[in-house]
C-alpha atoms as a PDB file:
ATOM      1  CA  MET A   1     101.665  89.848 123.006  1.00  0.00           C
ATOM      2  CA  THR A   2     102.630  93.065 121.231  1.00  0.00           C
ATOM      3  CA  GLU A   3     105.762  94.898 122.339  1.00  0.00           C
ATOM      4  CA  ASN A   4     105.147  98.318 123.865  1.00  0.00           C
ATOM      5  CA  PRO A   5     106.278 100.909 121.282  1.00  0.00           C
ATOM      6  CA  PHE A   6     106.452 103.532 124.026  1.00  0.00           C
ATOM      7  CA  ALA A   7     108.794 101.627 126.360  1.00  0.00           C
ATOM      8  CA  GLN A   8     111.667 104.013 125.655  1.00  0.00           C
ATOM      9  CA  PHE A   9     109.694 107.070 126.790  1.00  0.00           C
ATOM     10  CA  SER A  10     108.805 108.389 130.221  1.00  0.00           C
ATOM     11  CA  LEU A  11     105.394 107.408 131.557  1.00  0.00           C
ATOM     12  CA  GLU A  12     104.082 110.943 131.008  1.00  0.00           C
ATOM     13  CA  LYS A  13     105.271 111.017 127.385  1.00  0.00           C
ATOM     14  CA  ALA A  14     103.911 107.511 126.691  1.00  0.00           C
ATOM     15  CA  ILE A  15     100.478 108.470 128.031  1.00  0.00           C
ATOM     16  CA  GLY A  16     100.500 111.637 125.917  1.00  0.00           C
ATOM     17  CA  LEU A  17     101.415 109.712 122.774  1.00  0.00           C
ATOM     18  CA  ARG A  18      98.683 107.143 123.419  1.00  0.00           C
ATOM     19  CA  TRP A  19      96.114 109.945 123.836  1.00  0.00           C
ATOM     20  CA  THR A  20      97.367 111.522 120.621  1.00  0.00           C
ATOM     21  CA  LEU A  21      96.729 108.228 118.815  1.00  0.00           C
ATOM     22  CA  ARG A  22      93.193 108.199 120.215  1.00  0.00           C
ATOM     23  CA  ASP A  23      92.645 111.804 119.108  1.00  0.00           C
ATOM     24  CA  ILE A  24      93.808 110.922 115.580  1.00  0.00           C
ATOM     25  CA  GLN A  25      91.571 107.854 115.465  1.00  0.00           C
ATOM     26  CA  ALA A  26      88.545 109.853 116.652  1.00  0.00           C
ATOM     27  CA  ARG A  27      89.328 112.773 114.301  1.00  0.00           C
ATOM     28  CA  ARG A  28      89.582 115.271 117.184  1.00  0.00           C
ATOM     29  CA  LEU A  29      92.514 117.123 115.650  1.00  0.00           C
ATOM     30  CA  LYS A  30      90.775 120.507 115.461  1.00  0.00           C
ATOM     31  CA  LEU A  31      90.182 120.382 119.203  1.00  0.00           C
ATOM     32  CA  SER A  32      93.499 118.696 120.039  1.00  0.00           C
ATOM     33  CA  PRO A  33      96.106 119.498 117.381  1.00  0.00           C
ATOM     34  CA  VAL A  34      99.091 117.154 117.202  1.00  0.00           C
ATOM     35  CA  SER A  35     102.451 118.729 117.970  1.00  0.00           C
ATOM     36  CA  ASP A  36     105.140 118.411 115.316  1.00  0.00           C
ATOM     37  CA  GLU A  37     107.328 116.469 117.759  1.00  0.00           C
ATOM     38  CA  ASP A  38     104.579 113.956 118.608  1.00  0.00           C
ATOM     39  CA  LEU A  39     103.662 113.529 114.945  1.00  0.00           C
ATOM     40  CA  ARG A  40     107.300 112.876 114.053  1.00  0.00           C
ATOM     41  CA  THR A  41     107.623 110.352 116.896  1.00  0.00           C
ATOM     42  CA  LEU A  42     104.441 108.482 115.973  1.00  0.00           C
ATOM     43  CA  THR A  43     105.389 108.460 112.288  1.00  0.00           C
ATOM     44  CA  ASP A  44     108.904 107.195 113.070  1.00  0.00           C
ATOM     45  CA  LEU A  45     107.375 104.412 115.181  1.00  0.00           C
ATOM     46  CA  GLY A  46     105.164 103.451 112.225  1.00  0.00           C
ATOM     47  CA  LEU A  47     101.936 104.146 114.104  1.00  0.00           C
ATOM     48  CA  VAL A  48     100.624 107.076 112.038  1.00  0.00           C
ATOM     49  CA  GLU A  49     100.780 108.093 108.403  1.00  0.00           C
ATOM     50  CA  ALA A  50      99.639 111.171 106.504  1.00  0.00           C
ATOM     51  CA  ARG A  51      97.203 110.637 103.650  1.00  0.00           C
ATOM     52  CA  GLU A  52      95.145 112.983 101.499  1.00  0.00           C
ATOM     53  CA  GLU A  53      92.262 112.749 103.976  1.00  0.00           C
ATOM     54  CA  GLY A  54      94.582 113.617 106.871  1.00  0.00           C
ATOM     55  CA  LEU A  55      96.362 111.662 109.562  1.00  0.00           C
ATOM     56  CA  VAL A  56      95.389 108.017 109.965  1.00  0.00           C
ATOM     57  CA  LEU A  57      96.529 105.195 112.190  1.00  0.00           C
ATOM     58  CA  THR A  58      98.434 102.341 110.623  1.00  0.00           C
ATOM     59  CA  PRO A  59      97.444  98.793 111.585  1.00  0.00           C
ATOM     60  CA  ALA A  60     100.175  98.939 114.240  1.00  0.00           C
ATOM     61  CA  GLY A  61      98.745 102.199 115.577  1.00  0.00           C
ATOM     62  CA  THR A  62      95.277 100.691 115.728  1.00  0.00           C
ATOM     63  CA  ALA A  63      96.654  97.707 117.624  1.00  0.00           C
ATOM     64  CA  VAL A  64      98.230 100.036 120.200  1.00  0.00           C
ATOM     65  CA  VAL A  65      94.961 101.935 120.737  1.00  0.00           C
ATOM     66  CA  ASN A  66      92.789  98.821 120.867  1.00  0.00           C
ATOM     67  CA  GLY A  67      95.276  96.624 122.696  1.00  0.00           C
ATOM     68  CA  PRO A  68      95.473  95.891 126.406  1.00  0.00           C
END
């Protein structure tokens, strides 16, 4: 079982971060831009990385989105 990377955050913040991961995965960033704070948090947690093609989920980020 994977540890919850959002355990340290409030429920509202954790839900927002999870939705941000889903928006990144689905490439909905023009409709739902990522805030600088959320991007920094997700990057620090190792869930997102910036590449030439834009923001992408790391394997850990994909596991969070596709997990239980």
